[in-house]
Amino acid sequence: MTLSPVLELNDGHRMPQLGFGTYSIHDPGIFDAAIDVGYRLLDTAKRYENEESVGQGITASSVPREELFVTTKVPGDDQGYDSTIASLEGSLERLGLDYVDLYLIHWPLPRLDRYVDTWKAMIELREQGLTRSIGVSNFQSEHLDRIIAETGVTPAVNQIELHPYFPQSQQREIDARLGIVTQSWSPLGRGSDLLENPTITEIAAKHDVDAGQVVLRWHVQIGAAPIPKSATPERFAGNLAIFSFELDNEDLQRISALDRDGRIGGDPATHEEF
């Protein structure tokens, strides 16, 4: 069985570099199967409406809870101090867990201007032991600067849209400078032609792997932590197999040249979802 390498977080905890994205998946058997193959990080969110199913998959698994890394997120309509506390308590009840390993603010929602109070609540939740680590998702430089300045606490993780068509080099540099691990959502460029791009397919043929493995390996080699989503058990082992080969400098340069500076998802400066 192949297991992902782990990354050291700035709070002393460790997180698998490759995780399992659960968005739009509701079958507990998929999560149990992913754990069985070797995934140890499961990424969910209240907004995905599948925390119960993720928890059922964890319960069904033979892998001890302490060997798993579970992430969930506070949605926009639960932002604010008291509502964030209540939101995680609800997530834990649905997951059937005593704690999560990582709790994230799903989007900054700057128009609401509640993310600082939300962050203060998350610090309290960490102190209570209801989450081991705290972080953010879709935060940009100004959002990070503000929560750090107002609380003195730096997020452990910033989960952002990241793939070869949108490599976010500037945000990755900012995260690295602050000691924040950059985690990649939509790492395979959901809905785009990324996996059919000739550059990717040529590199895949060169290494005798598939296009998805090339892209995930790129994430790992630039220091990001991808969380690909798949409901196909046949893909699970293939994703974990990315640690059996390495891209060379020419490969990395060719992939870097694919940058289109275009998002698939919303712009964190204006995007709102609740």
C-alpha atoms as a PDB file:
ATOM      1  CA  MET A   1       0.000   0.000   0.000  1.00  0.00           C
ATOM      2  CA  THR A   2       1.280   3.462  -0.927  1.00  0.00           C
ATOM      3  CA  LEU A   3       0.779   6.266   1.584  1.00  0.00           C
ATOM      4  CA  SER A   4       1.261   9.949   0.912  1.00  0.00           C
ATOM      5  CA  PRO A   5       4.270  11.749   2.360  1.00  0.00           C
ATOM      6  CA  VAL A   6       3.385  14.232   5.082  1.00  0.00           C
ATOM      7  CA  LEU A   7       4.016  17.955   5.379  1.00  0.00           C
ATOM      8  CA  GLU A   8       4.907  19.740   8.594  1.00  0.00           C
ATOM      9  CA  LEU A   9       2.413  22.472   9.469  1.00  0.00           C
ATOM     10  CA  ASN A  10       3.389  25.667  11.275  1.00  0.00           C
ATOM     11  CA  ASP A  11       1.580  24.545  14.438  1.00  0.00           C
ATOM     12  CA  GLY A  12       3.579  21.329  14.797  1.00  0.00           C
ATOM     13  CA  HIS A  13       0.994  18.987  13.330  1.00  0.00           C
ATOM     14  CA  ARG A  14       1.563  16.946  10.180  1.00  0.00           C
ATOM     15  CA  MET A  15      -0.716  16.650   7.136  1.00  0.00           C
ATOM     16  CA  PRO A  16      -0.641  14.177   4.225  1.00  0.00           C
ATOM     17  CA  GLN A  17       0.468  15.985   1.064  1.00  0.00           C
ATOM     18  CA  LEU A  18      -2.047  14.141  -1.126  1.00  0.00           C
ATOM     19  CA  GLY A  19      -5.641  14.082   0.039  1.00  0.00           C
ATOM     20  CA  PHE A  20      -9.042  12.868  -1.112  1.00  0.00           C
ATOM     21  CA  GLY A  21     -11.563  15.518  -2.175  1.00  0.00           C
ATOM     22  CA  THR A  22     -15.160  14.628  -1.375  1.00  0.00           C
ATOM     23  CA  TYR A  23     -17.138  17.372  -3.133  1.00  0.00           C
ATOM     24  CA  SER A  24     -20.411  15.997  -4.609  1.00  0.00           C
ATOM     25  CA  ILE A  25     -19.728  12.439  -3.372  1.00  0.00           C
ATOM     26  CA  HIS A  26     -22.307  10.993  -0.966  1.00  0.00           C
ATOM     27  CA  ASP A  27     -21.622   7.242  -0.923  1.00  0.00           C
ATOM     28  CA  PRO A  28     -19.946   6.180   2.352  1.00  0.00           C
ATOM     29  CA  GLY A  29     -18.527   3.170   0.533  1.00  0.00           C
ATOM     30  CA  ILE A  30     -16.410   5.457  -1.653  1.00  0.00           C
ATOM     31  CA  PHE A  31     -14.759   6.985   1.408  1.00  0.00           C
ATOM     32  CA  ASP A  32     -14.179   3.592   3.023  1.00  0.00           C
ATOM     33  CA  ALA A  33     -12.633   2.363  -0.245  1.00  0.00           C
ATOM     34  CA  ALA A  34     -10.387   5.434  -0.510  1.00  0.00           C
ATOM     35  CA  ILE A  35      -9.078   4.855   3.006  1.00  0.00           C
ATOM     36  CA  ASP A  36      -8.575   1.166   2.260  1.00  0.00           C
ATOM     37  CA  VAL A  37      -6.412   1.987  -0.776  1.00  0.00           C
ATOM     38  CA  GLY A  38      -4.190   4.317   1.239  1.00  0.00           C
ATOM     39  CA  TYR A  39      -5.719   7.785   1.469  1.00  0.00           C
ATOM     40  CA  ARG A  40      -5.400   9.259   4.934  1.00  0.00           C
ATOM     41  CA  LEU A  41      -6.707  12.807   4.323  1.00  0.00           C
ATOM     42  CA  LEU A  42     -10.421  13.340   3.635  1.00  0.00           C
ATOM     43  CA  ASP A  43     -11.507  16.886   2.747  1.00  0.00           C
ATOM     44  CA  THR A  44     -15.175  17.741   3.274  1.00  0.00           C
ATOM     45  CA  ALA A  45     -17.231  20.828   4.160  1.00  0.00           C
ATOM     46  CA  LYS A  46     -20.607  21.592   5.681  1.00  0.00           C
ATOM     47  CA  ARG A  47     -21.601  23.053   2.336  1.00  0.00           C
ATOM     48  CA  TYR A  48     -20.929  19.734   0.546  1.00  0.00           C
ATOM     49  CA  GLU A  49     -23.790  18.197   2.556  1.00  0.00           C
ATOM     50  CA  ASN A  50     -21.890  14.923   2.876  1.00  0.00           C
ATOM     51  CA  GLU A  51     -20.318  15.087   6.333  1.00  0.00           C
ATOM     52  CA  GLU A  52     -22.583  12.274   7.557  1.00  0.00           C
ATOM     53  CA  SER A  53     -21.500  10.058   4.660  1.00  0.00           C
ATOM     54  CA  VAL A  54     -17.823  10.865   5.250  1.00  0.00           C
ATOM     55  CA  GLY A  55     -18.262   9.973   8.915  1.00  0.00           C
ATOM     56  CA  GLN A  56     -19.954   6.700   8.005  1.00  0.00           C
ATOM     57  CA  GLY A  57     -17.062   5.853   5.698  1.00  0.00           C
ATOM     58  CA  ILE A  58     -14.587   6.568   8.489  1.00  0.00           C
ATOM     59  CA  THR A  59     -16.563   4.401  10.907  1.00  0.00           C
ATOM     60  CA  ALA A  60     -16.673   1.540   8.400  1.00  0.00           C
ATOM     61  CA  SER A  61     -12.926   1.707   7.827  1.00  0.00           C
ATOM     62  CA  SER A  62     -10.513  -0.546   9.690  1.00  0.00           C
ATOM     63  CA  VAL A  63      -7.968   2.288   9.902  1.00  0.00           C
ATOM     64  CA  PRO A  64      -7.810   3.865  13.387  1.00  0.00           C
ATOM     65  CA  ARG A  65      -9.154   7.408  13.669  1.00  0.00           C
ATOM     66  CA  GLU A  66      -5.803   8.757  14.851  1.00  0.00           C
ATOM     67  CA  GLU A  67      -4.202   7.702  11.555  1.00  0.00           C
ATOM     68  CA  LEU A  68      -6.672   9.798   9.536  1.00  0.00           C
ATOM     69  CA  PHE A  69      -6.634  13.524   8.798  1.00  0.00           C
ATOM     70  CA  VAL A  70     -10.142  14.988   8.447  1.00  0.00           C
ATOM     71  CA  THR A  71     -10.809  18.499   7.153  1.00  0.00           C
ATOM     72  CA  THR A  72     -14.096  20.382   7.148  1.00  0.00           C
ATOM     73  CA  LYS A  73     -15.050  24.017   6.597  1.00  0.00           C
ATOM     74  CA  VAL A  74     -17.294  26.723   8.000  1.00  0.00           C
ATOM     75  CA  PRO A  75     -19.670  28.066   5.303  1.00  0.00           C
ATOM     76  CA  GLY A  76     -20.499  31.681   4.657  1.00  0.00           C
ATOM     77  CA  ASP A  77     -23.833  31.683   6.457  1.00  0.00           C
ATOM     78  CA  ASP A  78     -22.154  30.414   9.640  1.00  0.00           C
ATOM     79  CA  GLN A  79     -19.444  33.095   9.739  1.00  0.00           C
ATOM     80  CA  GLY A  80     -19.231  35.141  12.936  1.00  0.00           C
ATOM     81  CA  TYR A  81     -17.903  34.187  16.373  1.00  0.00           C
ATOM     82  CA  ASP A  82     -20.790  32.332  18.015  1.00  0.00           C
ATOM     83  CA  SER A  83     -22.108  30.809  14.794  1.00  0.00           C
ATOM     84  CA  THR A  84     -18.664  29.444  13.903  1.00  0.00           C
ATOM     85  CA  ILE A  85     -18.463  27.675  17.269  1.00  0.00           C
ATOM     86  CA  ALA A  86     -21.909  26.178  16.687  1.00  0.00           C
ATOM     87  CA  SER A  87     -21.053  25.281  13.094  1.00  0.00           C
ATOM     88  CA  LEU A  88     -18.098  23.085  14.037  1.00  0.00           C
ATOM     89  CA  GLU A  89     -20.090  21.448  16.806  1.00  0.00           C
ATOM     90  CA  GLY A  90     -22.705  20.552  14.185  1.00  0.00           C
ATOM     91  CA  SER A  91     -20.075  19.263  11.782  1.00  0.00           C
ATOM     92  CA  LEU A  92     -18.574  17.043  14.481  1.00  0.00           C
ATOM     93  CA  GLU A  93     -22.004  15.622  15.267  1.00  0.00           C
ATOM     94  CA  ARG A  94     -22.641  14.803  11.598  1.00  0.00           C
ATOM     95  CA  LEU A  95     -19.159  13.330  11.173  1.00  0.00           C
ATOM     96  CA  GLY A  96     -19.475  11.319  14.384  1.00  0.00           C
ATOM     97  CA  LEU A  97     -16.083  12.585  15.531  1.00  0.00           C
ATOM     98  CA  ASP A  98     -14.713  14.203  18.673  1.00  0.00           C
ATOM     99  CA  TYR A  99     -12.422  16.501  16.686  1.00  0.00           C
ATOM    100  CA  VAL A 100     -11.327  17.350  13.167  1.00  0.00           C
ATOM    101  CA  ASP A 101      -7.705  17.689  12.160  1.00  0.00           C
ATOM    102  CA  LEU A 102      -8.177  20.882  10.150  1.00  0.00           C
ATOM    103  CA  TYR A 103     -10.963  23.471  10.174  1.00  0.00           C
ATOM    104  CA  LEU A 104     -11.061  26.047   7.373  1.00  0.00           C
ATOM    105  CA  ILE A 105     -12.940  29.253   6.600  1.00  0.00           C
ATOM    106  CA  HIS A 106     -14.449  28.276   3.247  1.00  0.00           C
ATOM    107  CA  TRP A 107     -14.409  31.754   1.623  1.00  0.00           C
ATOM    108  CA  PRO A 108     -13.411  35.157   3.028  1.00  0.00           C
ATOM    109  CA  LEU A 109     -16.626  36.935   1.908  1.00  0.00           C
ATOM    110  CA  PRO A 110     -15.081  40.390   2.417  1.00  0.00           C
ATOM    111  CA  ARG A 111     -18.394  42.222   1.904  1.00  0.00           C
ATOM    112  CA  LEU A 112     -19.759  40.550   5.055  1.00  0.00           C
ATOM    113  CA  ASP A 113     -16.596  41.463   6.982  1.00  0.00           C
ATOM    114  CA  ARG A 114     -16.997  38.578   9.429  1.00  0.00           C
ATOM    115  CA  TYR A 115     -13.887  36.574   8.669  1.00  0.00           C
ATOM    116  CA  VAL A 116     -11.823  38.126  11.484  1.00  0.00           C
ATOM    117  CA  ASP A 117     -14.447  37.224  14.115  1.00  0.00           C
ATOM    118  CA  THR A 118     -14.709  33.812  12.487  1.00  0.00           C
ATOM    119  CA  TRP A 119     -10.939  33.384  12.775  1.00  0.00           C
ATOM    120  CA  LYS A 120     -11.039  34.373  16.461  1.00  0.00           C
ATOM    121  CA  ALA A 121     -13.649  31.659  17.040  1.00  0.00           C
ATOM    122  CA  MET A 122     -11.488  29.118  15.245  1.00  0.00           C
ATOM    123  CA  ILE A 123      -8.568  29.957  17.527  1.00  0.00           C
ATOM    124  CA  GLU A 124     -10.858  29.232  20.472  1.00  0.00           C
ATOM    125  CA  LEU A 125     -12.001  25.951  18.883  1.00  0.00           C
ATOM    126  CA  ARG A 126      -8.374  24.914  18.499  1.00  0.00           C
ATOM    127  CA  GLU A 127      -7.694  25.733  22.138  1.00  0.00           C
ATOM    128  CA  GLN A 128     -10.691  23.599  23.116  1.00  0.00           C
ATOM    129  CA  GLY A 129      -9.297  20.664  21.132  1.00  0.00           C
ATOM    130  CA  LEU A 130     -12.261  20.469  18.768  1.00  0.00           C
ATOM    131  CA  THR A 131      -9.857  20.980  15.854  1.00  0.00           C
ATOM    132  CA  ARG A 132      -6.148  20.263  15.817  1.00  0.00           C
ATOM    133  CA  SER A 133      -5.236  22.868  13.190  1.00  0.00           C
ATOM    134  CA  ILE A 134      -6.973  25.881  11.692  1.00  0.00           C
ATOM    135  CA  GLY A 135      -6.660  27.412   8.267  1.00  0.00           C
ATOM    136  CA  VAL A 136      -8.418  29.218   5.475  1.00  0.00           C
ATOM    137  CA  SER A 137      -9.609  28.602   1.956  1.00  0.00           C
ATOM    138  CA  ASN A 138      -9.561  31.055  -0.947  1.00  0.00           C
ATOM    139  CA  PHE A 139      -7.797  33.751   1.072  1.00  0.00           C
ATOM    140  CA  GLN A 140      -5.720  36.370  -0.684  1.00  0.00           C
ATOM    141  CA  SER A 141      -2.849  38.441   0.676  1.00  0.00           C
ATOM    142  CA  GLU A 142      -4.986  41.199   2.188  1.00  0.00           C
ATOM    143  CA  HIS A 143      -7.243  38.692   3.963  1.00  0.00           C
ATOM    144  CA  LEU A 144      -4.264  36.821   5.394  1.00  0.00           C
ATOM    145  CA  ASP A 145      -2.532  40.001   6.502  1.00  0.00           C
ATOM    146  CA  ARG A 146      -5.615  41.190   8.339  1.00  0.00           C
ATOM    147  CA  ILE A 147      -6.344  38.058  10.372  1.00  0.00           C
ATOM    148  CA  ILE A 148      -2.688  37.686  11.304  1.00  0.00           C
ATOM    149  CA  ALA A 149      -2.399  41.350  12.309  1.00  0.00           C
ATOM    150  CA  GLU A 150      -5.581  41.268  14.402  1.00  0.00           C
ATOM    151  CA  THR A 151      -4.996  37.930  16.167  1.00  0.00           C
ATOM    152  CA  GLY A 152      -1.310  37.097  15.936  1.00  0.00           C
ATOM    153  CA  VAL A 153      -2.230  33.634  14.648  1.00  0.00           C
ATOM    154  CA  THR A 154      -1.156  32.507  11.183  1.00  0.00           C
ATOM    155  CA  PRO A 155      -3.244  29.894   9.331  1.00  0.00           C
ATOM    156  CA  ALA A 156      -1.635  26.484   8.925  1.00  0.00           C
ATOM    157  CA  VAL A 157      -3.137  25.976   5.460  1.00  0.00           C
ATOM    158  CA  ASN A 158      -4.560  28.094   2.638  1.00  0.00           C
ATOM    159  CA  GLN A 159      -6.640  25.948   0.293  1.00  0.00           C
ATOM    160  CA  ILE A 160      -6.948  27.677  -3.101  1.00  0.00           C
ATOM    161  CA  GLU A 161      -7.828  26.918  -6.695  1.00  0.00           C
ATOM    162  CA  LEU A 162      -4.572  25.701  -8.197  1.00  0.00           C
ATOM    163  CA  HIS A 163      -3.722  23.814 -11.396  1.00  0.00           C
ATOM    164  CA  PRO A 164      -1.331  24.299 -14.355  1.00  0.00           C
ATOM    165  CA  TYR A 165      -3.755  26.649 -16.111  1.00  0.00           C
ATOM    166  CA  PHE A 166      -3.911  28.772 -12.933  1.00  0.00           C
ATOM    167  CA  PRO A 167      -0.701  28.113 -10.981  1.00  0.00           C
ATOM    168  CA  GLN A 168      -1.059  31.024  -8.530  1.00  0.00           C
ATOM    169  CA  SER A 169       2.701  31.530  -8.232  1.00  0.00           C
ATOM    170  CA  GLN A 170       2.330  34.859  -6.403  1.00  0.00           C
ATOM    171  CA  GLN A 171      -0.117  33.496  -3.827  1.00  0.00           C
ATOM    172  CA  ARG A 172       2.045  30.420  -3.310  1.00  0.00           C
ATOM    173  CA  GLU A 173       5.037  32.670  -2.663  1.00  0.00           C
ATOM    174  CA  ILE A 174       3.022  34.699  -0.134  1.00  0.00           C
ATOM    175  CA  ASP A 175       1.847  31.540   1.634  1.00  0.00           C
ATOM    176  CA  ALA A 176       5.392  30.160   1.756  1.00  0.00           C
ATOM    177  CA  ARG A 177       6.768  33.404   3.148  1.00  0.00           C
ATOM    178  CA  LEU A 178       4.172  33.270   5.931  1.00  0.00           C
ATOM    179  CA  GLY A 179       4.846  29.593   6.651  1.00  0.00           C
ATOM    180  CA  ILE A 180       1.445  28.504   5.303  1.00  0.00           C
ATOM    181  CA  VAL A 181       1.007  25.268   3.338  1.00  0.00           C
ATOM    182  CA  THR A 182      -0.788  25.839   0.039  1.00  0.00           C
ATOM    183  CA  GLN A 183      -3.404  23.169  -0.632  1.00  0.00           C
ATOM    184  CA  SER A 184      -4.837  22.780  -4.134  1.00  0.00           C
ATOM    185  CA  TRP A 185      -8.537  22.451  -4.859  1.00  0.00           C
ATOM    186  CA  SER A 186      -9.565  21.533  -8.387  1.00  0.00           C
ATOM    187  CA  PRO A 187      -5.982  20.308  -8.903  1.00  0.00           C
ATOM    188  CA  LEU A 188      -6.853  18.645 -12.228  1.00  0.00           C
ATOM    189  CA  GLY A 189      -8.528  21.736 -13.670  1.00  0.00           C
ATOM    190  CA  ARG A 190     -12.127  20.576 -13.359  1.00  0.00           C
ATOM    191  CA  GLY A 191     -14.162  21.132 -16.511  1.00  0.00           C
ATOM    192  CA  SER A 192     -11.176  22.241 -18.606  1.00  0.00           C
ATOM    193  CA  ASP A 193      -9.215  20.452 -21.313  1.00  0.00           C
ATOM    194  CA  LEU A 194      -6.122  20.229 -19.096  1.00  0.00           C
ATOM    195  CA  LEU A 195      -5.888  16.439 -19.150  1.00  0.00           C
ATOM    196  CA  GLU A 196      -6.072  16.453 -22.954  1.00  0.00           C
ATOM    197  CA  ASN A 197      -3.484  19.200 -23.344  1.00  0.00           C
ATOM    198  CA  PRO A 198      -0.705  17.966 -25.679  1.00  0.00           C
ATOM    199  CA  THR A 199       2.040  19.101 -23.305  1.00  0.00           C
ATOM    200  CA  ILE A 200       0.549  17.056 -20.478  1.00  0.00           C
ATOM    201  CA  THR A 201      -0.123  13.981 -22.612  1.00  0.00           C
ATOM    202  CA  GLU A 202       3.400  14.076 -24.087  1.00  0.00           C
ATOM    203  CA  ILE A 203       4.970  14.229 -20.648  1.00  0.00           C
ATOM    204  CA  ALA A 204       2.677  11.406 -19.533  1.00  0.00           C
ATOM    205  CA  ALA A 205       3.835   9.222 -22.432  1.00  0.00           C
ATOM    206  CA  LYS A 206       7.459  10.026 -21.623  1.00  0.00           C
ATOM    207  CA  HIS A 207       7.074   8.712 -18.069  1.00  0.00           C
ATOM    208  CA  ASP A 208       4.608   5.924 -18.965  1.00  0.00           C
ATOM    209  CA  VAL A 209       1.943   7.362 -16.671  1.00  0.00           C
ATOM    210  CA  ASP A 210      -1.408   9.026 -17.312  1.00  0.00           C
ATOM    211  CA  ALA A 211      -2.181  12.727 -17.644  1.00  0.00           C
ATOM    212  CA  GLY A 212      -3.763  13.031 -14.218  1.00  0.00           C
ATOM    213  CA  GLN A 213      -0.695  11.553 -12.583  1.00  0.00           C
ATOM    214  CA  VAL A 214       1.517  14.098 -14.340  1.00  0.00           C
ATOM    215  CA  VAL A 215      -0.588  16.995 -13.079  1.00  0.00           C
ATOM    216  CA  LEU A 216      -0.747  15.688  -9.511  1.00  0.00           C
ATOM    217  CA  ARG A 217       2.996  15.056  -9.538  1.00  0.00           C
ATOM    218  CA  TRP A 218       3.491  18.678 -10.658  1.00  0.00           C
ATOM    219  CA  HIS A 219       1.555  19.855  -7.605  1.00  0.00           C
ATOM    220  CA  VAL A 220       3.718  17.784  -5.297  1.00  0.00           C
ATOM    221  CA  GLN A 221       6.970  18.994  -6.852  1.00  0.00           C
ATOM    222  CA  ILE A 222       6.033  22.675  -6.565  1.00  0.00           C
ATOM    223  CA  GLY A 223       5.337  22.076  -2.872  1.00  0.00           C
ATOM    224  CA  ALA A 224       1.528  22.177  -3.016  1.00  0.00           C
ATOM    225  CA  ALA A 225      -0.842  19.652  -1.432  1.00  0.00           C
ATOM    226  CA  PRO A 226      -3.449  18.478  -3.977  1.00  0.00           C
ATOM    227  CA  ILE A 227      -6.836  17.040  -3.020  1.00  0.00           C
ATOM    228  CA  PRO A 228      -8.166  15.380  -6.197  1.00  0.00           C
ATOM    229  CA  LYS A 229     -11.752  14.177  -6.213  1.00  0.00           C
ATOM    230  CA  SER A 230     -12.680  10.837  -7.714  1.00  0.00           C
ATOM    231  CA  ALA A 231     -15.687   8.572  -7.302  1.00  0.00           C
ATOM    232  CA  THR A 232     -13.966   5.855  -9.327  1.00  0.00           C
ATOM    233  CA  PRO A 233     -12.094   3.344  -7.144  1.00  0.00           C
ATOM    234  CA  GLU A 234      -9.863   2.421 -10.086  1.00  0.00           C
ATOM    235  CA  ARG A 235      -8.417   5.939  -9.941  1.00  0.00           C
ATOM    236  CA  PHE A 236      -7.580   5.849  -6.228  1.00  0.00           C
ATOM    237  CA  ALA A 237      -4.418   3.751  -6.473  1.00  0.00           C
ATOM    238  CA  GLY A 238      -3.355   5.590  -9.624  1.00  0.00           C
ATOM    239  CA  ASN A 239      -3.410   8.924  -7.824  1.00  0.00           C
ATOM    240  CA  LEU A 240      -1.323   7.546  -4.959  1.00  0.00           C
ATOM    241  CA  ALA A 241       1.166   6.128  -7.478  1.00  0.00           C
ATOM    242  CA  ILE A 242       2.444   9.645  -8.258  1.00  0.00           C
ATOM    243  CA  PHE A 243       5.148   9.109  -5.654  1.00  0.00           C
ATOM    244  CA  SER A 244       6.775   6.429  -7.816  1.00  0.00           C
ATOM    245  CA  PHE A 245       8.124   8.809 -10.499  1.00  0.00           C
ATOM    246  CA  GLU A 246       9.563  12.311 -10.798  1.00  0.00           C
ATOM    247  CA  LEU A 247       9.229  15.097 -13.334  1.00  0.00           C
ATOM    248  CA  ASP A 248      12.472  16.629 -14.580  1.00  0.00           C
ATOM    249  CA  ASN A 249      13.202  20.341 -14.912  1.00  0.00           C
ATOM    250  CA  GLU A 250      12.193  20.408 -18.561  1.00  0.00           C
ATOM    251  CA  ASP A 251       8.832  18.841 -17.681  1.00  0.00           C
ATOM    252  CA  LEU A 252       8.243  21.407 -14.957  1.00  0.00           C
ATOM    253  CA  GLN A 253       9.147  24.305 -17.253  1.00  0.00           C
ATOM    254  CA  ARG A 254       6.805  23.053 -19.981  1.00  0.00           C
ATOM    255  CA  ILE A 255       3.946  22.688 -17.521  1.00  0.00           C
ATOM    256  CA  SER A 256       4.631  26.153 -16.087  1.00  0.00           C
ATOM    257  CA  ALA A 257       4.245  27.568 -19.595  1.00  0.00           C
ATOM    258  CA  LEU A 258       0.599  26.431 -19.630  1.00  0.00           C
ATOM    259  CA  ASP A 259      -0.405  29.292 -17.305  1.00  0.00           C
ATOM    260  CA  ARG A 260      -3.585  30.964 -18.626  1.00  0.00           C
ATOM    261  CA  ASP A 261      -4.148  33.094 -15.518  1.00  0.00           C
ATOM    262  CA  GLY A 262      -7.801  32.169 -15.591  1.00  0.00           C
ATOM    263  CA  ARG A 263      -9.942  30.849 -12.778  1.00  0.00           C
ATOM    264  CA  ILE A 264     -12.445  28.023 -12.992  1.00  0.00           C
ATOM    265  CA  GLY A 265     -14.085  29.093  -9.737  1.00  0.00           C
ATOM    266  CA  GLY A 266     -14.974  32.444  -8.244  1.00  0.00           C
ATOM    267  CA  ASP A 267     -12.713  35.389  -7.448  1.00  0.00           C
ATOM    268  CA  PRO A 268     -12.234  35.495  -3.646  1.00  0.00           C
ATOM    269  CA  ALA A 269     -12.361  39.297  -3.691  1.00  0.00           C
ATOM    270  CA  THR A 270     -16.000  39.219  -4.782  1.00  0.00           C
ATOM    271  CA  HIS A 271     -17.258  35.625  -4.776  1.00  0.00           C
ATOM    272  CA  GLU A 272     -20.017  34.799  -2.305  1.00  0.00           C
ATOM    273  CA  GLU A 273     -21.526  31.483  -1.344  1.00  0.00           C
ATOM    274  CA  PHE A 274     -23.389  30.605   1.805  1.00  0.00           C
END
